[in-house]
Amino acid sequence: MPVRDRGGQKLAYVYFKDGLTVDRWGCMTTLKIDGLNRDVLKKRSIVMLKWEDDPEKRIGLVVPFDCPLDNLKAQAEKAVRALAKELETATIQGP
């Protein structure tokens, strides 16, 4: 597990520890499923997630259209992991 120094304090940094829990700089963040929207025209579903410690932060991610509710958590975890992997190599372009 990589260790980073933040202001003289060494802390472990792990993206996914358990489910949707993210451990960054020693601080645990939990994403909670807040809703599920179905787009019938595009045949897709969007799971809405919000940060437990900061409800103003929200994200919607595509999950399979026919995703049953008992499998929603697993599909949400899969979508979050795919997004995290994509963002690891993302670049930001200026205006």
C-alpha atoms as a PDB file:
ATOM      1  CA  MET A   1       0.000   0.000   0.000  1.00  0.00           C
ATOM      2  CA  PRO A   2       1.549   3.341  -1.028  1.00  0.00           C
ATOM      3  CA  VAL A   3       2.185   5.872   1.702  1.00  0.00           C
ATOM      4  CA  ARG A   4       2.113   9.595   1.043  1.00  0.00           C
ATOM      5  CA  ASP A   5       3.268  12.472   3.154  1.00  0.00           C
ATOM      6  CA  ARG A   6       0.737  15.209   3.884  1.00  0.00           C
ATOM      7  CA  GLY A   7       2.090  18.021   5.990  1.00  0.00           C
ATOM      8  CA  GLY A   8       4.587  15.830   7.790  1.00  0.00           C
ATOM      9  CA  GLN A   9       1.952  13.196   8.492  1.00  0.00           C
ATOM     10  CA  LYS A  10       2.387   9.881   6.673  1.00  0.00           C
ATOM     11  CA  LEU A  11      -0.922   8.304   5.707  1.00  0.00           C
ATOM     12  CA  ALA A  12      -1.944   5.282   3.677  1.00  0.00           C
ATOM     13  CA  TYR A  13      -3.766   5.868   0.413  1.00  0.00           C
ATOM     14  CA  VAL A  14      -6.138   3.217  -0.913  1.00  0.00           C
ATOM     15  CA  TYR A  15      -8.774   3.743  -3.607  1.00  0.00           C
ATOM     16  CA  PHE A  16     -11.203   0.920  -2.846  1.00  0.00           C
ATOM     17  CA  LYS A  17     -11.100  -0.868   0.441  1.00  0.00           C
ATOM     18  CA  ASP A  18     -14.584  -2.338   0.769  1.00  0.00           C
ATOM     19  CA  GLY A  19     -17.487  -1.756  -1.530  1.00  0.00           C
ATOM     20  CA  LEU A  20     -17.931   1.926  -2.173  1.00  0.00           C
ATOM     21  CA  THR A  21     -15.657   3.013   0.679  1.00  0.00           C
ATOM     22  CA  VAL A  22     -12.712   5.136  -0.347  1.00  0.00           C
ATOM     23  CA  ASP A  23      -9.804   5.694   2.024  1.00  0.00           C
ATOM     24  CA  ARG A  24      -7.946   8.873   1.053  1.00  0.00           C
ATOM     25  CA  TRP A  25      -5.396  10.452   3.338  1.00  0.00           C
ATOM     26  CA  GLY A  26      -6.652   8.364   6.233  1.00  0.00           C
ATOM     27  CA  CYS A  27     -10.188   9.674   5.875  1.00  0.00           C
ATOM     28  CA  MET A  28     -13.025   7.269   5.046  1.00  0.00           C
ATOM     29  CA  THR A  29     -15.587   8.309   2.452  1.00  0.00           C
ATOM     30  CA  THR A  30     -18.724   6.310   1.874  1.00  0.00           C
ATOM     31  CA  LEU A  31     -20.974   6.715  -1.141  1.00  0.00           C
ATOM     32  CA  LYS A  32     -24.635   5.947  -0.522  1.00  0.00           C
ATOM     33  CA  ILE A  33     -27.128   4.921  -3.174  1.00  0.00           C
ATOM     34  CA  ASP A  34     -29.626   7.763  -3.317  1.00  0.00           C
ATOM     35  CA  GLY A  35     -31.783   6.777  -6.264  1.00  0.00           C
ATOM     36  CA  LEU A  36     -32.204   4.897  -9.503  1.00  0.00           C
ATOM     37  CA  ASN A  37     -33.504   6.459 -12.701  1.00  0.00           C
ATOM     38  CA  ARG A  38     -34.583   4.474 -15.739  1.00  0.00           C
ATOM     39  CA  ASP A  39     -34.284   6.034 -19.191  1.00  0.00           C
ATOM     40  CA  VAL A  40     -36.730   3.957 -21.220  1.00  0.00           C
ATOM     41  CA  LEU A  41     -35.928   5.642 -24.529  1.00  0.00           C
ATOM     42  CA  LYS A  42     -32.186   4.943 -24.267  1.00  0.00           C
ATOM     43  CA  LYS A  43     -32.709   1.657 -22.388  1.00  0.00           C
ATOM     44  CA  ARG A  44     -30.300   2.483 -19.579  1.00  0.00           C
ATOM     45  CA  SER A  45     -30.440   3.058 -15.848  1.00  0.00           C
ATOM     46  CA  ILE A  46     -28.571   5.660 -13.838  1.00  0.00           C
ATOM     47  CA  VAL A  47     -27.735   5.035 -10.200  1.00  0.00           C
ATOM     48  CA  MET A  48     -27.484   8.213  -8.137  1.00  0.00           C
ATOM     49  CA  LEU A  49     -24.813   8.233  -5.430  1.00  0.00           C
ATOM     50  CA  LYS A  50     -24.083  10.831  -2.775  1.00  0.00           C
ATOM     51  CA  TRP A  51     -21.227  11.245  -0.349  1.00  0.00           C
ATOM     52  CA  GLU A  52     -22.282  10.335   3.183  1.00  0.00           C
ATOM     53  CA  ASP A  53     -20.130  13.056   4.751  1.00  0.00           C
ATOM     54  CA  ASP A  54     -20.984  15.737   2.153  1.00  0.00           C
ATOM     55  CA  PRO A  55     -24.535  15.337   0.745  1.00  0.00           C
ATOM     56  CA  GLU A  56     -23.959  18.220  -1.702  1.00  0.00           C
ATOM     57  CA  LYS A  57     -21.554  15.968  -3.634  1.00  0.00           C
ATOM     58  CA  ARG A  58     -23.473  13.673  -5.976  1.00  0.00           C
ATOM     59  CA  ILE A  59     -22.754  11.589  -9.044  1.00  0.00           C
ATOM     60  CA  GLY A  60     -24.893   9.620 -11.467  1.00  0.00           C
ATOM     61  CA  LEU A  61     -23.433   6.549 -13.178  1.00  0.00           C
ATOM     62  CA  VAL A  62     -24.871   4.277 -15.838  1.00  0.00           C
ATOM     63  CA  VAL A  63     -25.741   0.723 -14.787  1.00  0.00           C
ATOM     64  CA  PRO A  64     -27.437  -2.005 -16.856  1.00  0.00           C
ATOM     65  CA  PHE A  65     -31.047  -1.190 -17.778  1.00  0.00           C
ATOM     66  CA  ASP A  66     -32.418  -4.470 -16.474  1.00  0.00           C
ATOM     67  CA  CYS A  67     -30.461  -4.283 -13.208  1.00  0.00           C
ATOM     68  CA  PRO A  68     -32.597  -5.742 -10.373  1.00  0.00           C
ATOM     69  CA  LEU A  69     -32.597  -3.871  -7.072  1.00  0.00           C
ATOM     70  CA  ASP A  70     -30.913  -6.740  -5.218  1.00  0.00           C
ATOM     71  CA  ASN A  71     -27.933  -6.400  -7.604  1.00  0.00           C
ATOM     72  CA  LEU A  72     -27.828  -2.590  -7.632  1.00  0.00           C
ATOM     73  CA  LYS A  73     -25.039  -2.231  -5.052  1.00  0.00           C
ATOM     74  CA  ALA A  74     -22.732  -4.570  -6.996  1.00  0.00           C
ATOM     75  CA  GLN A  75     -23.455  -2.753 -10.267  1.00  0.00           C
ATOM     76  CA  ALA A  76     -22.863   0.633  -8.579  1.00  0.00           C
ATOM     77  CA  GLU A  77     -19.504  -0.604  -7.236  1.00  0.00           C
ATOM     78  CA  LYS A  78     -18.557  -1.806 -10.710  1.00  0.00           C
ATOM     79  CA  ALA A  79     -19.479   1.588 -12.231  1.00  0.00           C
ATOM     80  CA  VAL A  80     -17.501   3.509  -9.575  1.00  0.00           C
ATOM     81  CA  ARG A  81     -14.431   1.318 -10.107  1.00  0.00           C
ATOM     82  CA  ALA A  82     -14.633   1.799 -13.882  1.00  0.00           C
ATOM     83  CA  LEU A  83     -14.862   5.578 -13.421  1.00  0.00           C
ATOM     84  CA  ALA A  84     -11.910   5.606 -11.002  1.00  0.00           C
ATOM     85  CA  LYS A  85      -9.805   3.616 -13.467  1.00  0.00           C
ATOM     86  CA  GLU A  86     -10.725   6.000 -16.297  1.00  0.00           C
ATOM     87  CA  LEU A  87      -9.914   9.068 -14.187  1.00  0.00           C
ATOM     88  CA  GLU A  88      -6.448   7.729 -13.268  1.00  0.00           C
ATOM     89  CA  THR A  89      -5.274   8.466 -16.828  1.00  0.00           C
ATOM     90  CA  ALA A  90      -7.531  11.432 -17.555  1.00  0.00           C
ATOM     91  CA  THR A  91      -6.072  14.739 -18.687  1.00  0.00           C
ATOM     92  CA  ILE A  92      -7.620  18.150 -18.253  1.00  0.00           C
ATOM     93  CA  GLN A  93      -7.601  20.625 -21.089  1.00  0.00           C
ATOM     94  CA  GLY A  94      -7.674  24.343 -20.458  1.00  0.00           C
ATOM     95  CA  PRO A  95     -10.219  26.702 -21.975  1.00  0.00           C
END
